[in-house]
């Protein structure tokens, strides 16, 4: 279930940050910021739902999921197909995320 929450958090963070990118770099209206800020608030709230014993561990494990989400955003939202290096890097990061998140800790 943690990876579902992380995936939703990544979507919220990437979409929220993209709203600022669209405003400042693509010349979109400042109105893009309103849903962007709501999206960023949802991202922060979702990270608090992760069943981890420490915030830093939850955030570290989230990093791998965020990277995979960013590569998917590159492809699906920006229309740029990831290359083999993007995919390899994302897979390594996701494996690191699993190493942090999945072990049982006493």
Foldseek 3Di string as FASTA:
>chain_A
DLLVLLLLLLVLQVQLVVLVCCVPPVVDDPVSNVSSVVSNVSSVVSLVVHPDPDSVLSVQLSVLSNLVSVQVCCCPVVPDHDDPVSVVVSVVSNVVSCVSPPDDDD
